[in-house]
Protein backbone atom coordinates (compact mmCIF):
# COMPACT_ATOMS: atom_id res chain seq x y z
CA UNK A 1 8.22 28.30 -10.44
CA UNK A 2 4.70 28.09 -9.07
CA UNK A 3 3.78 27.71 -5.43
CA UNK A 4 2.36 24.36 -4.34
CA UNK A 5 -1.37 24.44 -3.73
CA UNK A 6 -2.70 23.97 -0.19
CA UNK A 7 -3.94 20.50 -1.10
CA UNK A 8 -0.55 19.44 -2.46
CA UNK A 9 1.12 20.70 0.73
CA UNK A 10 -1.36 18.71 2.79
CA UNK A 11 -0.80 15.64 0.64
CA UNK A 12 2.97 15.89 1.01
CA UNK A 13 2.77 16.50 4.76
CA UNK A 14 0.84 13.24 5.12
CA UNK A 15 3.62 11.37 3.35
CA UNK A 16 6.18 11.57 6.17
CA UNK A 17 4.07 9.58 8.69
CA UNK A 18 3.33 7.01 5.98
CA UNK A 19 7.03 6.59 5.28
CA UNK A 20 7.87 6.32 8.98
CA UNK A 21 5.20 3.64 9.40
CA UNK A 22 6.50 1.69 6.41
CA UNK A 23 10.08 1.83 7.72
CA UNK A 24 8.94 0.65 11.16
CA UNK A 25 7.25 -2.32 9.48
CA UNK A 26 10.55 -3.07 7.74
CA UNK A 27 12.31 -3.01 11.11
CA UNK A 28 9.83 -5.46 12.64
CA UNK A 29 9.23 -7.82 9.73
CA UNK A 30 12.67 -8.48 8.28
CA UNK A 31 15.17 -10.97 9.59
CA UNK A 32 18.10 -10.62 7.20
CA UNK A 33 20.07 -7.58 6.17
CA UNK A 34 19.23 -8.16 2.50
CA UNK A 35 15.48 -8.24 3.22
CA UNK A 36 15.80 -5.18 5.46
CA UNK A 37 17.69 -3.27 2.80
CA UNK A 38 15.22 -4.21 0.06
CA UNK A 39 12.25 -3.31 2.26
CA UNK A 40 13.72 0.14 2.97
CA UNK A 41 14.40 0.70 -0.74
CA UNK A 42 10.87 -0.33 -1.69
CA UNK A 43 9.35 1.89 1.00
CA UNK A 44 11.44 4.87 -0.14
CA UNK A 45 10.55 4.29 -3.79
CA UNK A 46 6.82 4.11 -3.05
CA UNK A 47 7.01 7.18 -0.83
CA UNK A 48 8.84 9.13 -3.52
CA UNK A 49 6.23 8.19 -6.10
CA UNK A 50 3.40 9.30 -3.82
CA UNK A 51 5.20 12.57 -3.03
CA UNK A 52 5.80 13.24 -6.74
CA UNK A 53 2.14 12.65 -7.50
CA UNK A 54 1.23 15.17 -4.77
CA UNK A 55 3.46 17.80 -6.33
CA UNK A 56 2.36 17.17 -9.91
CA UNK A 57 -1.34 17.04 -9.09
């Protein structure tokens, strides 16, 4: 298995603050449990896609 490049490490390290920010928005903007749960799922899905693209690139 190859080592991640410095740019992919940097890209992935930027992902955690983005995810935290998205989850905080979910906490502030949702009023029902269903909306909260869906917001968290969407944020996690988007974060995972961005992290995968960092690793693949």
